[in-house]
Amino acid sequence: MAQVSDLRFLVTPGGSLQGRLRVPGDKSVSHRSIMLSAIAEGETHITGFLEGADALATLAAFRRMGVEIEGPRDGEVRVRGVGLRGLRAPDGPLDLGNSGTSMRLLSGLLAGQSFPTTLIGDASLTKRPMRRVTEPLATMGARINSSETGTAPLHIEPVSGLSGIRYEMPVASAQVKSSLLLAGLYAEGETCVTEPAPTRDHTERMLTAFGYPVQVEGSRIRLCGGGRLKGCRLRVPSDISSAAFFMVGASIAPGSDLLLEGVGINPTRVGVVNILRLMGADIALLDERLEGGEPVADIRVRSAPLKGIRIPEDQVPLAIDEFPAIFIAAACAEGETLLTGAEELRVKESDRIQVMADGLMKLGIEAEPRPDGLRILGGTLGSALASEGGGIDAHGDHRIAMSFAIAALRAGGPIEIRDCLNVETSFPGFAALAETAGLGIREVRT
């Protein structure tokens, strides 16, 4: 079979989104379900696991370290845990592909092991900053060597032991918090992390599901090392980050009425719902319930006129991964939308502030990138065609690619998006699912 070097989306303008959809499992929860079940005692049965490249990279890494894993098959995985001290040295570097979550969380989990490990990734991951985790881990006694610029590959050396620390995070980051908590499992004494603003708390919730005591007191999270995790049953909710594209699409496309089933509505992740509602979106949460310790709901979205807003900075950490989609909503809203306090968007899979601004300007929207955000003046979306020397370059960023695909619902002509292969990292089957809902999308592989 010929190797695919590029995936393009060709999207026809117009249409609406209708019906019932279930988007794939939550990527953040899927990562953590493998990591914690691998170091638990006994078997863990996982359903709803995301079979995308990022989560599969985490799964493959633990197989390389001696963990017996069955699946995934249709989202079902069985993991036979080896306990906190049961991992074995892999036979070479662990390739984590495009997954920053895998690399940052594994840095903490592997810092306390008795064997050396090297973490590598693709070209995009190798450019992303890792000092935000390696520096606080070093204060716990970890020995992690990186490139001169603080990026991968990361070489993790065994140490005689880690010590718990009290760490006040300078910037809100669930990945940094989780990395330190995972290292804290192997540390002597208490590890205490204080965050400046709420971030996703999947690690704390899942540790509790595995029977590991965690104390959460406002912005402070504490745990003591040396405990035990016990295998359990986990159901991964549908990913709100994946649902966000359809929430935006149904909001901006006239005549849309869409139900998204079983979506995780963790309070640290619902910024996209809050922001879209502030813009005037018609979003209802139905049948709210708990599944595996995570709050879940069916989300009904109907089209509504949107207005530009100043996005509250307290919502930024709650929607950090959803901003590419939110920017499309802003482009279709009446008036100006202003985002500030979102410097982290500059160091994601791409510089999401600049790349989204470039794409929106190609579609005829006024977009002014700023160091920590973006100003967008809503208007009429045009077209971007390769034949005109145009087209949108996703820069290998899955969220950029899917956001501009959804933008076609309100575009004045077809939109072509290049460099979309990494969509499969977080949302396998995106184009097929979007087509069933009413988006005129076609994949072209070269």
Protein backbone atom coordinates (compact mmCIF):
# COMPACT_ATOMS: atom_id res chain seq x y z
CA MET A 1 0.00 0.00 0.00
CA ALA A 2 1.37 3.43 -0.96
CA GLN A 3 2.26 5.65 1.97
CA VAL A 4 0.01 8.67 2.45
CA SER A 5 2.08 11.86 2.70
CA ASP A 6 -0.77 14.35 2.92
CA LEU A 7 -4.47 14.43 3.65
CA ARG A 8 -6.57 17.30 2.35
CA PHE A 9 -10.16 18.21 3.14
CA LEU A 10 -12.27 19.62 0.32
CA VAL A 11 -15.40 21.15 1.82
CA THR A 12 -18.37 22.55 -0.09
CA PRO A 13 -20.13 25.62 1.29
CA GLY A 14 -23.48 25.78 3.03
CA GLY A 15 -25.77 23.23 4.61
CA SER A 16 -26.85 22.57 8.17
CA LEU A 17 -26.12 19.95 10.84
CA GLN A 18 -28.91 17.57 11.87
CA GLY A 19 -29.52 14.35 13.79
CA ARG A 20 -27.77 12.51 16.63
CA LEU A 21 -24.00 11.99 16.82
CA ARG A 22 -21.60 10.33 19.23
CA VAL A 23 -18.09 11.71 18.87
CA PRO A 24 -15.08 9.59 19.89
CA GLY A 25 -13.93 9.10 23.48
CA ASP A 26 -12.22 11.83 25.44
CA LYS A 27 -8.52 11.95 24.60
CA SER A 28 -7.39 13.26 27.99
CA VAL A 29 -9.33 10.57 29.84
CA SER A 30 -8.16 7.86 27.41
CA HIS A 31 -4.49 8.72 28.03
CA ARG A 32 -4.93 8.61 31.79
CA SER A 33 -6.98 5.41 31.72
CA ILE A 34 -4.02 3.53 30.21
CA MET A 35 -1.38 5.14 32.42
CA LEU A 36 -3.15 4.48 35.71
CA SER A 37 -4.47 1.02 34.84
CA ALA A 38 -0.92 0.00 33.83
CA ILE A 39 0.46 0.81 37.30
CA ALA A 40 -2.59 -0.48 39.16
CA GLU A 41 -2.87 -3.93 40.72
CA GLY A 42 -5.27 -6.25 38.93
CA GLU A 43 -7.25 -5.89 35.71
CA THR A 44 -8.96 -2.73 34.48
CA HIS A 45 -11.74 -2.90 31.87
CA ILE A 46 -12.02 0.29 29.79
CA THR A 47 -14.86 1.14 27.39
CA GLY A 48 -15.18 4.17 25.11
CA PHE A 49 -11.39 4.39 24.63
CA LEU A 50 -10.32 6.77 21.86
CA GLU A 51 -8.58 4.79 19.11
CA GLY A 52 -6.70 7.81 17.78
CA ALA A 53 -2.97 7.99 17.18
CA ASP A 54 -2.18 10.00 20.35
CA ALA A 55 -3.94 7.67 22.77
CA LEU A 56 -2.60 4.64 20.91
CA ALA A 57 0.92 6.03 21.35
CA THR A 58 0.39 5.96 25.12
CA LEU A 59 -0.96 2.41 24.93
CA ALA A 60 1.99 1.25 22.83
CA ALA A 61 4.47 2.82 25.27
CA PHE A 62 3.13 0.74 28.16
CA ARG A 63 3.15 -2.42 26.09
CA ARG A 64 6.84 -1.70 25.47
CA MET A 65 7.28 -1.54 29.25
CA GLY A 66 5.86 -5.00 29.83
CA VAL A 67 2.16 -4.29 30.45
CA GLU A 68 -0.26 -6.85 28.99
CA ILE A 69 -3.03 -5.02 27.13
CA GLU A 70 -5.90 -6.54 25.12
CA GLY A 71 -7.48 -4.37 22.45
CA PRO A 72 -8.56 -1.83 21.64
CA ARG A 73 -11.58 -3.29 19.87
CA ASP A 74 -14.47 -0.90 19.30
CA GLY A 75 -13.22 1.21 22.18
CA GLU A 76 -12.84 -1.69 24.60
CA VAL A 77 -9.49 -2.32 26.33
CA ARG A 78 -8.41 -4.67 29.10
CA VAL A 79 -5.23 -3.83 30.98
CA ARG A 80 -3.51 -6.20 33.39
CA GLY A 81 -1.77 -3.81 35.75
CA VAL A 82 1.74 -4.47 37.07
CA GLY A 83 1.59 -2.23 40.14
CA LEU A 84 3.57 0.92 40.90
CA ARG A 85 6.94 -0.84 40.70
CA GLY A 86 6.21 -3.42 38.01
CA LEU A 87 7.13 -1.56 34.81
CA ARG A 88 10.14 -2.86 32.88
CA ALA A 89 12.74 -1.04 30.83
CA PRO A 90 11.71 -0.71 27.16
CA ASP A 91 14.07 -2.04 24.50
CA GLY A 92 14.58 1.43 23.00
CA PRO A 93 13.19 4.98 22.93
CA LEU A 94 9.43 5.40 23.40
CA ASP A 95 8.03 7.18 20.34
CA LEU A 96 5.04 9.27 21.38
CA GLY A 97 4.29 10.63 17.93
CA ASN A 98 2.43 13.95 18.14
CA SER A 99 1.21 13.58 21.72
CA GLY A 100 2.33 16.30 24.11
CA THR A 101 0.07 14.86 26.82
CA SER A 102 1.85 11.51 26.60
CA MET A 103 5.30 13.07 26.83
CA ARG A 104 4.59 15.47 29.68
CA LEU A 105 2.63 13.01 31.83
CA LEU A 106 5.05 10.14 31.20
CA SER A 107 7.93 12.40 32.22
CA GLY A 108 6.45 12.45 35.71
CA LEU A 109 5.38 8.82 35.84
CA LEU A 110 8.78 7.56 34.62
CA ALA A 111 10.90 9.94 36.72
CA GLY A 112 10.70 7.57 39.67
CA GLN A 113 11.40 4.30 37.86
CA SER A 114 14.49 2.15 38.38
CA PHE A 115 15.44 2.13 34.69
CA PRO A 116 16.39 4.78 32.12
CA THR A 117 13.94 5.86 29.41
CA THR A 118 14.14 8.09 26.36
CA LEU A 119 11.02 9.84 25.07
CA ILE A 120 10.90 10.94 21.44
CA GLY A 121 8.22 12.28 19.10
CA ASP A 122 7.51 13.64 15.66
CA ALA A 123 8.77 16.97 14.27
CA SER A 124 5.92 18.93 15.84
CA LEU A 125 6.28 17.39 19.29
CA THR A 126 10.05 17.89 19.22
CA LYS A 127 9.50 21.66 18.98
CA ARG A 128 7.17 21.94 21.96
CA PRO A 129 8.41 23.23 25.36
CA MET A 130 9.12 20.63 28.04
CA ARG A 131 10.89 22.71 30.69
CA ARG A 132 7.52 23.48 32.26
CA VAL A 133 7.53 19.87 33.50
CA THR A 134 11.21 18.96 33.63
CA GLU A 135 12.19 21.89 35.88
CA PRO A 136 9.68 21.22 38.70
CA LEU A 137 10.37 17.48 38.39
CA ALA A 138 14.06 18.25 38.94
CA THR A 139 13.18 19.86 42.28
CA MET A 140 11.71 16.48 43.27
CA GLY A 141 15.06 14.86 42.46
CA ALA A 142 14.33 13.71 38.90
CA ARG A 143 17.14 13.63 36.34
CA ILE A 144 15.74 14.50 32.91
CA ASN A 145 18.00 15.72 30.13
CA SER A 146 16.53 17.57 27.15
CA SER A 147 17.84 19.53 24.17
CA GLU A 148 19.54 22.88 24.75
CA THR A 149 16.21 24.60 24.04
CA GLY A 150 14.33 22.44 26.55
CA THR A 151 12.59 20.22 24.03
CA ALA A 152 12.51 16.48 23.27
CA PRO A 153 14.13 14.03 23.13
CA LEU A 154 13.92 13.61 26.89
CA HIS A 155 16.39 11.26 28.55
CA ILE A 156 15.10 10.15 31.97
CA GLU A 157 17.72 8.66 34.27
CA PRO A 158 16.96 6.46 37.30
CA VAL A 159 17.47 8.09 40.71
CA SER A 160 17.62 6.68 44.22
CA GLY A 161 14.33 8.30 45.09
CA LEU A 162 12.05 11.30 44.60
CA SER A 163 10.91 13.72 47.29
CA GLY A 164 7.50 15.32 47.53
CA ILE A 165 7.37 19.07 46.95
CA ARG A 166 5.04 22.02 47.38
CA TYR A 167 4.76 23.65 43.97
CA GLU A 168 2.84 26.76 42.97
CA MET A 169 2.36 26.64 39.22
CA PRO A 170 3.17 29.97 37.52
CA VAL A 171 0.77 29.16 34.66
CA ALA A 172 -2.37 27.03 34.78
CA SER A 173 -1.63 23.71 33.06
CA ALA A 174 -3.32 20.37 33.61
CA GLN A 175 -0.37 18.59 32.01
CA VAL A 176 2.15 20.09 34.46
CA LYS A 177 -0.14 19.39 37.42
CA SER A 178 -0.72 15.80 36.30
CA SER A 179 2.97 15.17 35.65
CA LEU A 180 3.86 16.25 39.19
CA LEU A 181 1.04 14.23 40.76
CA LEU A 182 2.15 11.11 38.86
CA ALA A 183 5.72 11.66 40.03
CA GLY A 184 4.29 12.13 43.51
CA LEU A 185 3.06 8.53 43.49
CA TYR A 186 6.74 7.51 43.61
CA ALA A 187 7.95 10.24 45.97
CA GLU A 188 8.63 10.13 49.68
CA GLY A 189 6.23 12.34 51.59
CA GLU A 190 3.55 14.65 50.29
CA THR A 191 3.36 16.31 46.89
CA CYS A 192 1.22 19.46 46.88
CA VAL A 193 0.40 21.39 43.70
CA THR A 194 -1.35 24.76 43.74
CA GLU A 195 -2.79 26.05 40.48
CA PRO A 196 -3.45 29.73 39.69
CA ALA A 197 -6.70 28.91 37.88
CA PRO A 198 -8.78 25.74 37.57
CA THR A 199 -7.58 23.21 34.99
CA ARG A 200 -8.98 19.86 33.94
CA ASP A 201 -9.03 17.50 36.91
CA HIS A 202 -9.20 14.12 35.15
CA THR A 203 -6.06 12.87 36.92
CA GLU A 204 -7.42 13.61 40.39
CA ARG A 205 -10.80 12.04 39.58
CA MET A 206 -9.26 8.94 38.06
CA LEU A 207 -6.76 8.41 40.86
CA THR A 208 -9.76 8.38 43.21
CA ALA A 209 -11.54 5.88 40.95
CA PHE A 210 -8.50 3.60 41.32
CA GLY A 211 -8.72 3.92 45.10
CA TYR A 212 -5.75 6.26 45.55
CA PRO A 213 -6.37 9.00 48.15
CA VAL A 214 -6.17 12.54 46.80
CA GLN A 215 -7.05 15.68 48.75
CA VAL A 216 -8.45 18.64 46.82
CA GLU A 217 -8.83 21.87 48.79
CA GLY A 218 -9.78 24.72 46.50
CA SER A 219 -6.80 25.33 44.19
CA ARG A 220 -4.53 22.94 46.13
CA ILE A 221 -4.17 19.23 45.27
CA ARG A 222 -2.24 16.91 47.62
CA LEU A 223 -1.25 13.27 47.65
CA CYS A 224 1.31 11.10 49.44
CA GLY A 225 3.60 8.62 47.71
CA GLY A 226 3.78 4.90 48.24
CA GLY A 227 0.10 4.01 47.98
CA ARG A 228 -1.61 1.43 45.78
CA LEU A 229 -3.96 1.65 42.80
CA LYS A 230 -6.53 -1.11 42.30
CA GLY A 231 -7.92 -2.14 38.91
CA CYS A 232 -11.51 -1.11 38.16
CA ARG A 233 -14.04 -0.52 35.37
CA LEU A 234 -13.87 2.76 33.47
CA ARG A 235 -16.10 4.30 30.82
CA VAL A 236 -14.51 7.10 28.80
CA PRO A 237 -17.02 9.85 27.95
CA SER A 238 -17.25 11.41 24.50
CA ASP A 239 -14.66 14.17 24.11
CA ILE A 240 -16.01 17.70 24.56
CA SER A 241 -13.04 18.95 22.49
CA SER A 242 -14.28 16.86 19.56
CA ALA A 243 -17.89 17.83 20.22
CA ALA A 244 -16.87 21.51 20.12
CA PHE A 245 -16.53 21.50 16.32
CA PHE A 246 -20.13 20.32 15.98
CA MET A 247 -21.37 22.73 18.66
CA VAL A 248 -19.88 25.60 16.67
CA GLY A 249 -21.09 24.17 13.35
CA ALA A 250 -24.68 23.76 14.55
CA SER A 251 -24.60 27.25 16.09
CA ILE A 252 -23.48 29.02 12.90
CA ALA A 253 -25.34 27.02 10.22
CA PRO A 254 -28.96 28.18 9.79
CA GLY A 255 -31.57 25.47 10.37
CA SER A 256 -29.27 23.21 12.41
CA ASP A 257 -30.57 21.02 15.23
CA LEU A 258 -28.04 18.51 16.53
CA LEU A 259 -27.85 16.17 19.54
CA LEU A 260 -24.40 15.11 20.74
CA GLU A 261 -24.63 12.01 22.92
CA GLY A 262 -22.72 11.16 26.12
CA VAL A 263 -20.34 14.14 26.12
CA GLY A 264 -18.08 14.72 29.12
CA ILE A 265 -19.02 17.96 30.87
CA ASN A 266 -16.29 18.01 33.48
CA PRO A 267 -16.53 21.48 35.09
CA THR A 268 -12.87 22.12 34.22
CA ARG A 269 -13.62 21.53 30.52
CA VAL A 270 -16.91 23.37 29.83
CA GLY A 271 -15.40 26.71 28.83
CA VAL A 272 -16.51 26.17 25.23
CA VAL A 273 -20.14 25.80 26.35
CA ASN A 274 -19.91 28.87 28.59
CA ILE A 275 -18.25 31.02 25.91
CA LEU A 276 -20.65 30.01 23.14
CA ARG A 277 -23.61 30.70 25.42
CA LEU A 278 -22.20 34.16 26.17
CA MET A 279 -22.11 34.69 22.39
CA GLY A 280 -25.80 33.76 22.18
CA ALA A 281 -25.62 30.07 21.25
CA ASP A 282 -28.64 27.86 21.91
CA ILE A 283 -27.08 24.97 23.86
CA ALA A 284 -28.96 22.68 26.25
CA LEU A 285 -27.45 20.00 28.52
CA LEU A 286 -29.81 17.04 28.77
CA ASP A 287 -29.83 13.92 30.99
CA GLU A 288 -26.85 15.01 33.11
CA ARG A 289 -25.28 12.02 34.87
CA LEU A 290 -22.05 10.52 36.23
CA GLU A 291 -20.13 7.81 34.36
CA GLY A 292 -16.89 6.49 35.86
CA GLY A 293 -16.58 9.52 38.10
CA GLU A 294 -16.92 11.97 35.19
CA PRO A 295 -20.02 14.15 34.63
CA VAL A 296 -21.68 13.46 31.29
CA ALA A 297 -24.66 14.87 29.35
CA ASP A 298 -26.34 14.82 25.97
CA ILE A 299 -25.87 18.24 24.35
CA ARG A 300 -28.52 19.73 22.05
CA VAL A 301 -27.43 22.62 19.85
CA ARG A 302 -29.69 24.66 17.58
CA SER A 303 -28.63 27.46 15.27
CA ALA A 304 -28.75 30.97 16.71
CA PRO A 305 -27.41 34.43 15.85
CA LEU A 306 -24.08 34.97 17.59
CA LYS A 307 -22.56 38.23 18.83
CA GLY A 308 -18.95 39.12 19.47
CA ILE A 309 -17.76 39.26 23.08
CA ARG A 310 -14.70 39.89 25.19
CA ILE A 311 -13.89 36.35 26.32
CA PRO A 312 -13.57 36.24 30.13
CA GLU A 313 -10.03 35.29 31.11
CA ASP A 314 -11.32 32.91 33.77
CA GLN A 315 -12.76 30.79 30.95
CA VAL A 316 -9.46 30.51 29.06
CA PRO A 317 -8.05 27.47 30.94
CA LEU A 318 -11.47 25.78 30.67
CA ALA A 319 -11.46 26.04 26.86
CA ILE A 320 -7.79 26.10 25.89
CA ASP A 321 -8.07 23.27 23.32
CA GLU A 322 -11.34 24.52 21.86
CA PHE A 323 -10.26 28.00 20.79
CA PRO A 324 -9.66 27.16 17.12
CA ALA A 325 -13.34 26.19 16.87
CA ILE A 326 -14.41 29.19 18.97
CA PHE A 327 -12.51 31.47 16.56
CA ILE A 328 -14.75 30.19 13.75
CA ALA A 329 -17.81 31.09 15.82
CA ALA A 330 -16.30 34.56 16.35
CA ALA A 331 -15.74 34.96 12.61
CA CYS A 332 -19.47 34.33 12.07
CA ALA A 333 -20.64 36.52 14.95
CA GLU A 334 -21.82 40.11 14.75
CA GLY A 335 -19.21 42.51 16.05
CA GLU A 336 -15.83 42.07 17.67
CA THR A 337 -14.55 39.14 19.73
CA LEU A 338 -11.42 39.62 21.80
CA LEU A 339 -9.37 36.89 23.46
CA THR A 340 -6.60 37.73 25.95
CA GLY A 341 -4.62 35.70 28.48
CA ALA A 342 -4.11 32.74 26.15
CA GLU A 343 -0.33 32.70 25.55
CA GLU A 344 -0.38 28.90 25.75
CA LEU A 345 -2.05 28.77 22.32
CA ARG A 346 1.28 29.84 20.84
CA VAL A 347 2.95 26.55 21.86
CA LYS A 348 0.38 23.93 20.94
CA GLU A 349 0.71 21.61 17.90
CA SER A 350 1.08 24.86 15.99
CA ASP A 351 1.02 28.53 16.92
CA ARG A 352 -2.77 28.47 17.01
CA ILE A 353 -3.12 32.23 17.34
CA GLN A 354 -1.09 33.00 14.21
CA VAL A 355 -2.24 30.01 12.12
CA MET A 356 -5.94 30.69 12.81
CA ALA A 357 -5.47 34.40 12.09
CA ASP A 358 -3.76 33.61 8.78
CA GLY A 359 -6.56 31.25 7.75
CA LEU A 360 -9.35 33.63 8.75
CA MET A 361 -7.72 36.48 6.81
CA LYS A 362 -7.59 34.22 3.74
CA LEU A 363 -11.34 33.83 4.13
CA GLY A 364 -11.79 37.61 4.24
CA ILE A 365 -12.16 38.01 8.01
CA GLU A 366 -10.37 40.75 9.91
CA ALA A 367 -8.17 38.98 12.47
CA GLU A 368 -5.47 40.68 14.51
CA PRO A 369 -3.09 38.34 16.38
CA ARG A 370 -1.76 39.57 19.70
CA PRO A 371 0.95 38.09 21.95
CA ASP A 372 -1.61 36.50 24.26
CA GLY A 373 -4.70 36.27 22.08
CA LEU A 374 -6.63 37.36 19.03
CA ARG A 375 -9.07 40.07 17.97
CA ILE A 376 -11.64 38.95 15.39
CA LEU A 377 -14.20 41.15 13.68
CA GLY A 378 -17.10 38.98 12.53
CA GLY A 379 -18.11 39.17 8.90
CA THR A 380 -18.81 37.14 5.79
CA LEU A 381 -16.60 34.13 5.17
CA GLY A 382 -15.23 33.87 1.66
CA SER A 383 -13.54 30.93 -0.05
CA ALA A 384 -10.01 29.53 -0.14
CA LEU A 385 -9.18 27.56 -3.27
CA ALA A 386 -5.88 25.94 -4.19
CA SER A 387 -6.46 26.93 -7.83
CA GLU A 388 -6.26 30.56 -6.73
CA GLY A 389 -3.03 29.97 -4.85
CA GLY A 390 -5.08 29.90 -1.69
CA GLY A 391 -6.32 27.08 0.47
CA ILE A 392 -5.84 26.80 4.21
CA ASP A 393 -2.64 25.30 5.61
CA ALA A 394 -3.42 23.41 8.83
CA HIS A 395 0.30 23.13 9.65
CA GLY A 396 -0.26 19.54 10.76
CA ASP A 397 -2.59 20.70 13.55
CA HIS A 398 -5.70 18.56 13.83
CA ARG A 399 -7.80 21.23 15.55
CA ILE A 400 -6.95 23.84 12.89
CA ALA A 401 -7.99 21.42 10.13
CA MET A 402 -11.34 20.51 11.70
CA SER A 403 -12.16 24.11 12.59
CA PHE A 404 -11.79 25.35 9.03
CA ALA A 405 -13.77 22.36 7.75
CA ILE A 406 -16.69 23.47 9.95
CA ALA A 407 -16.25 27.06 8.72
CA ALA A 408 -17.43 25.95 5.27
CA LEU A 409 -21.00 25.81 6.64
CA ARG A 410 -21.00 29.62 6.39
CA ALA A 411 -18.45 30.15 3.60
CA GLY A 412 -19.12 31.82 0.28
CA GLY A 413 -17.33 29.09 -1.67
CA PRO A 414 -15.42 25.81 -1.27
CA ILE A 415 -12.62 25.56 1.27
CA GLU A 416 -9.58 23.36 0.81
CA ILE A 417 -7.49 22.51 3.87
CA ARG A 418 -4.03 20.98 3.53
CA ASP A 419 -1.85 18.97 5.94
CA CYS A 420 -4.70 17.27 7.79
CA LEU A 421 -3.18 13.84 8.52
CA ASN A 422 -2.95 14.56 12.24
CA VAL A 423 -6.74 14.73 12.50
CA GLU A 424 -6.47 10.98 13.04
CA THR A 425 -4.55 11.65 16.27
CA SER A 426 -7.62 12.92 18.08
CA PHE A 427 -10.68 12.29 15.90
CA PRO A 428 -10.46 9.22 13.67
CA GLY A 429 -13.40 9.19 11.26
CA PHE A 430 -14.06 12.94 11.56
CA ALA A 431 -14.86 13.48 7.90
CA ALA A 432 -17.24 10.51 7.70
CA LEU A 433 -19.10 11.53 10.86
CA ALA A 434 -19.32 15.17 9.78
CA GLU A 435 -20.71 14.08 6.41
CA THR A 436 -23.48 12.06 8.07
CA ALA A 437 -24.48 15.21 9.98
CA GLY A 438 -24.69 17.30 6.81
CA LEU A 439 -21.24 18.75 6.09
CA GLY A 440 -20.17 18.46 2.45
CA ILE A 441 -16.66 17.17 3.07
CA ARG A 442 -14.37 14.97 0.99
CA GLU A 443 -10.95 13.54 1.85
CA VAL A 444 -8.12 13.54 -0.70
CA ARG A 445 -5.06 11.45 0.19
CA THR A 446 -1.79 11.88 -1.73
